[in-house]
């Protein structure tokens, strides 16, 4: 039996929903109360991909407050992948994703020298007042070497597990040098990740792409 451990960073500004994202993904739970992360929190997600193969995602939920950024080099060490989250209703949290991406790329890389694969998630699509357009995010991701992005709602549990499945497939592909067998697809390098079969979600009133 094969067991592999991957360290996944969850970063972004305070209040964008990082801790809620981790809790939804790991425990399928959501709490409305906000409590700021101090330094870094940890969670573990065990994924059984076959009878012989187990994946352990060690999720590092890094505090978004400015005073903790001096510690990020320690937090980022040995990361296998990264998720940067922003609040789709708060444009400044989107603009600050560039700061987070530059901080990541300047402090950690894969053993072969490549950048740590990083996915961008636009949270809170359950709210109506979107402040960032799809075109803006597409251009930003392609210019800044993201593997892709998609819209999520941690509150309504839209695309949380699916986005992490996409990230897992990317990680495994980089470790095996094979093309990932995706349940989601990206429109070009760093493009909008979309569910290939989102008919069920649309029928339920939930759309991956906000359409």
Protein backbone atom coordinates (compact mmCIF):
# COMPACT_ATOMS: atom_id res chain seq x y z
CA UNK A 1 0.00 0.00 0.00
CA UNK A 2 1.32 3.42 -1.01
CA UNK A 3 0.79 6.46 1.19
CA UNK A 4 1.89 9.92 0.12
CA UNK A 5 1.84 13.21 2.05
CA UNK A 6 1.48 16.58 0.34
CA UNK A 7 1.68 19.92 2.12
CA UNK A 8 -0.90 22.38 0.77
CA UNK A 9 -0.77 26.08 1.64
CA UNK A 10 -4.03 28.03 1.98
CA UNK A 11 -3.21 31.74 1.78
CA UNK A 12 -4.87 35.11 1.11
CA UNK A 13 -6.14 38.14 2.98
CA UNK A 14 -7.94 37.94 6.30
CA UNK A 15 -11.74 37.36 6.14
CA UNK A 16 -11.76 35.87 2.61
CA UNK A 17 -12.81 32.47 4.00
CA UNK A 18 -9.60 30.43 4.21
CA UNK A 19 -10.40 28.74 7.53
CA UNK A 20 -14.01 28.15 6.48
CA UNK A 21 -12.71 26.62 3.23
CA UNK A 22 -10.49 24.20 5.12
CA UNK A 23 -13.29 23.23 7.52
CA UNK A 24 -15.71 22.69 4.66
CA UNK A 25 -13.23 20.56 2.73
CA UNK A 26 -12.01 18.48 5.67
CA UNK A 27 -15.14 18.20 7.85
CA UNK A 28 -17.94 19.30 5.49
CA UNK A 29 -18.98 21.92 8.05
CA UNK A 30 -19.54 25.67 7.97
CA UNK A 31 -19.65 28.20 10.82
CA UNK A 32 -20.81 31.79 10.38
CA UNK A 33 -18.74 33.06 13.30
CA UNK A 34 -15.42 34.59 12.26
CA UNK A 35 -12.31 33.94 14.31
CA UNK A 36 -8.98 35.21 13.01
CA UNK A 37 -6.22 32.65 12.52
CA UNK A 38 -3.15 33.35 14.64
CA UNK A 39 0.00 32.41 12.75
CA UNK A 40 -1.03 29.14 11.11
CA UNK A 41 -3.58 26.37 11.67
CA UNK A 42 -3.31 22.80 10.47
CA UNK A 43 -5.76 20.22 9.18
CA UNK A 44 -5.42 16.80 7.58
CA UNK A 45 -7.52 15.36 4.75
CA UNK A 46 -7.07 11.67 3.91
CA UNK A 47 -8.00 10.74 0.34
CA UNK A 48 -8.31 7.09 -0.67
CA UNK A 49 -7.76 7.11 -4.42
CA UNK A 50 -7.57 3.31 -4.72
CA UNK A 51 -7.29 0.24 -2.50
CA UNK A 52 -3.51 0.55 -2.67
CA UNK A 53 -3.02 4.30 -2.82
CA UNK A 54 -3.73 6.84 -0.06
CA UNK A 55 -3.07 10.57 -0.23
CA UNK A 56 -2.73 12.76 2.84
CA UNK A 57 -3.24 16.47 2.34
CA UNK A 58 -1.65 18.45 5.17
CA UNK A 59 -3.42 21.81 4.91
CA UNK A 60 -1.62 24.88 6.27
CA UNK A 61 -4.10 27.70 6.84
CA UNK A 62 -1.83 30.76 7.00
CA UNK A 63 -3.02 33.92 8.77
CA UNK A 64 -3.83 36.79 6.45
CA UNK A 65 -2.89 39.64 8.78
CA UNK A 66 0.12 41.73 7.75
CA UNK A 67 1.97 41.13 11.03
CA UNK A 68 2.36 37.42 10.27
CA UNK A 69 3.91 37.76 6.79
CA UNK A 70 7.43 37.85 8.23
CA UNK A 71 6.90 34.18 9.20
CA UNK A 72 5.72 32.93 5.84
CA UNK A 73 9.13 31.59 4.79
CA UNK A 74 8.89 29.10 7.67
CA UNK A 75 5.27 28.25 6.85
CA UNK A 76 5.91 27.78 3.12
CA UNK A 77 8.83 25.36 3.50
CA UNK A 78 8.40 22.03 1.64
CA UNK A 79 5.00 22.97 0.20
CA UNK A 80 3.72 20.77 -2.63
CA UNK A 81 1.01 23.17 -3.82
CA UNK A 82 -0.82 26.34 -2.87
CA UNK A 83 -4.34 27.75 -2.92
CA UNK A 84 -4.81 31.53 -2.85
CA UNK A 85 -8.33 32.66 -1.96
CA UNK A 86 -9.96 36.05 -2.43
CA UNK A 87 -13.42 37.47 -1.73
CA UNK A 88 -15.19 38.09 -5.05
CA UNK A 89 -17.16 40.94 -3.42
CA UNK A 90 -14.05 42.77 -2.12
CA UNK A 91 -11.78 43.91 -4.96
CA UNK A 92 -8.81 44.75 -2.73
CA UNK A 93 -8.55 41.10 -1.65
CA UNK A 94 -8.21 40.23 -5.35
CA UNK A 95 -5.51 42.86 -5.95
CA UNK A 96 -3.62 41.56 -2.90
CA UNK A 97 -3.39 38.11 -4.46
CA UNK A 98 -0.43 39.42 -6.46
CA UNK A 99 1.36 40.21 -3.19
CA UNK A 100 0.65 36.69 -1.90
CA UNK A 101 1.81 35.05 -5.14
CA UNK A 102 5.03 37.04 -5.23
CA UNK A 103 5.68 36.25 -1.57
CA UNK A 104 5.15 32.55 -2.28
CA UNK A 105 7.37 32.44 -5.37
CA UNK A 106 10.17 34.37 -3.65
CA UNK A 107 10.33 32.04 -0.64
CA UNK A 108 9.70 28.49 -1.83
CA UNK A 109 10.01 26.32 -4.93
CA UNK A 110 9.74 22.64 -5.84
CA UNK A 111 12.85 20.44 -5.54
CA UNK A 112 13.43 20.77 -9.31
CA UNK A 113 13.38 24.58 -9.05
CA UNK A 114 9.94 25.13 -10.56
CA UNK A 115 7.34 27.32 -8.89
CA UNK A 116 4.97 25.63 -6.48
CA UNK A 117 1.73 24.98 -8.41
CA UNK A 118 -0.84 27.53 -7.28
CA UNK A 119 -4.60 27.70 -7.83
CA UNK A 120 -6.72 30.82 -7.35
CA UNK A 121 -10.22 30.57 -5.83
CA UNK A 122 -12.86 33.31 -5.92
CA UNK A 123 -14.98 32.76 -2.81
CA UNK A 124 -18.44 34.05 -1.79
CA UNK A 125 -20.24 33.67 -5.12
CA UNK A 126 -23.38 33.11 -3.04
CA UNK A 127 -23.40 36.91 -2.58
CA UNK A 128 -24.71 39.12 -5.37
CA UNK A 129 -22.39 42.14 -5.34
CA UNK A 130 -19.41 40.81 -7.33
CA UNK A 131 -16.60 43.33 -7.58
CA UNK A 132 -14.31 41.40 -9.96
CA UNK A 133 -15.05 40.24 -13.50
CA UNK A 134 -14.17 36.88 -15.00
CA UNK A 135 -12.04 38.63 -17.63
CA UNK A 136 -9.98 40.36 -14.93
CA UNK A 137 -9.29 37.11 -13.12
CA UNK A 138 -8.48 35.22 -16.33
CA UNK A 139 -5.90 37.83 -17.35
CA UNK A 140 -4.42 37.99 -13.85
CA UNK A 141 -4.00 34.21 -13.59
CA UNK A 142 -2.38 33.83 -16.99
CA UNK A 143 0.02 36.71 -16.32
CA UNK A 144 1.08 35.36 -12.92
CA UNK A 145 1.62 31.64 -13.54
CA UNK A 146 -1.42 30.15 -11.79
CA UNK A 147 -2.51 26.65 -12.84
CA UNK A 148 -6.08 27.95 -13.05
CA UNK A 149 -8.92 29.50 -11.09
CA UNK A 150 -12.58 28.94 -10.34
CA UNK A 151 -15.43 30.45 -8.36
CA UNK A 152 -16.52 28.79 -5.13
CA UNK A 153 -18.95 29.25 -2.28
CA UNK A 154 -17.77 27.77 0.99
CA UNK A 155 -21.11 28.67 2.57
CA UNK A 156 -23.16 26.82 -0.06
CA UNK A 157 -20.49 24.14 -0.62
CA UNK A 158 -20.03 24.90 -4.32
CA UNK A 159 -16.81 23.63 -5.97
CA UNK A 160 -14.87 23.16 -2.72
CA UNK A 161 -14.16 19.44 -3.11
CA UNK A 162 -14.06 19.68 -6.90
CA UNK A 163 -11.40 22.40 -6.92
CA UNK A 164 -9.23 20.39 -4.54
CA UNK A 165 -9.65 17.32 -6.74
CA UNK A 166 -8.34 19.40 -9.63
CA UNK A 167 -5.35 20.43 -7.52
CA UNK A 168 -4.69 16.82 -6.51
CA UNK A 169 -4.68 15.72 -10.15
CA UNK A 170 -2.19 18.48 -10.96
CA UNK A 171 0.09 17.41 -8.10
CA UNK A 172 -0.02 13.74 -9.07
CA UNK A 173 0.67 14.62 -12.71
CA UNK A 174 3.79 16.55 -11.69
CA UNK A 175 4.99 13.61 -9.60
CA UNK A 176 4.36 10.99 -12.30
CA UNK A 177 4.95 13.06 -15.46
CA UNK A 178 1.57 11.98 -16.85
CA UNK A 179 -1.36 14.05 -18.04
CA UNK A 180 -3.98 14.45 -15.29
CA UNK A 181 -7.31 12.69 -15.82
CA UNK A 182 -9.38 15.68 -14.78
CA UNK A 183 -12.98 15.97 -13.73
CA UNK A 184 -12.48 19.67 -14.34
CA UNK A 185 -10.70 21.50 -17.11
CA UNK A 186 -8.83 24.76 -17.49
CA UNK A 187 -9.32 27.02 -20.48
CA UNK A 188 -5.70 27.44 -21.46
CA UNK A 189 -2.77 27.79 -19.10
CA UNK A 190 -3.98 29.45 -15.94
CA UNK A 191 -7.52 29.79 -17.26
CA UNK A 192 -10.96 29.43 -15.72
CA UNK A 193 -11.36 25.90 -14.33
CA UNK A 194 -14.81 24.61 -15.21
CA UNK A 195 -16.67 21.46 -14.34
CA UNK A 196 -16.96 19.31 -17.44
CA UNK A 197 -20.39 18.17 -16.34
CA UNK A 198 -22.05 20.96 -14.42
CA UNK A 199 -25.59 20.09 -15.51
CA UNK A 200 -26.43 18.65 -12.11
CA UNK A 201 -25.24 21.76 -10.27
CA UNK A 202 -27.09 24.03 -12.69
CA UNK A 203 -30.26 22.01 -12.16
CA UNK A 204 -29.86 22.54 -8.43
CA UNK A 205 -29.39 26.26 -8.97
CA UNK A 206 -25.60 26.21 -8.61
CA UNK A 207 -23.24 27.00 -11.43
CA UNK A 208 -19.46 26.68 -11.31
CA UNK A 209 -19.01 29.76 -13.42
CA UNK A 210 -21.77 31.96 -12.10
CA UNK A 211 -23.71 31.60 -15.36
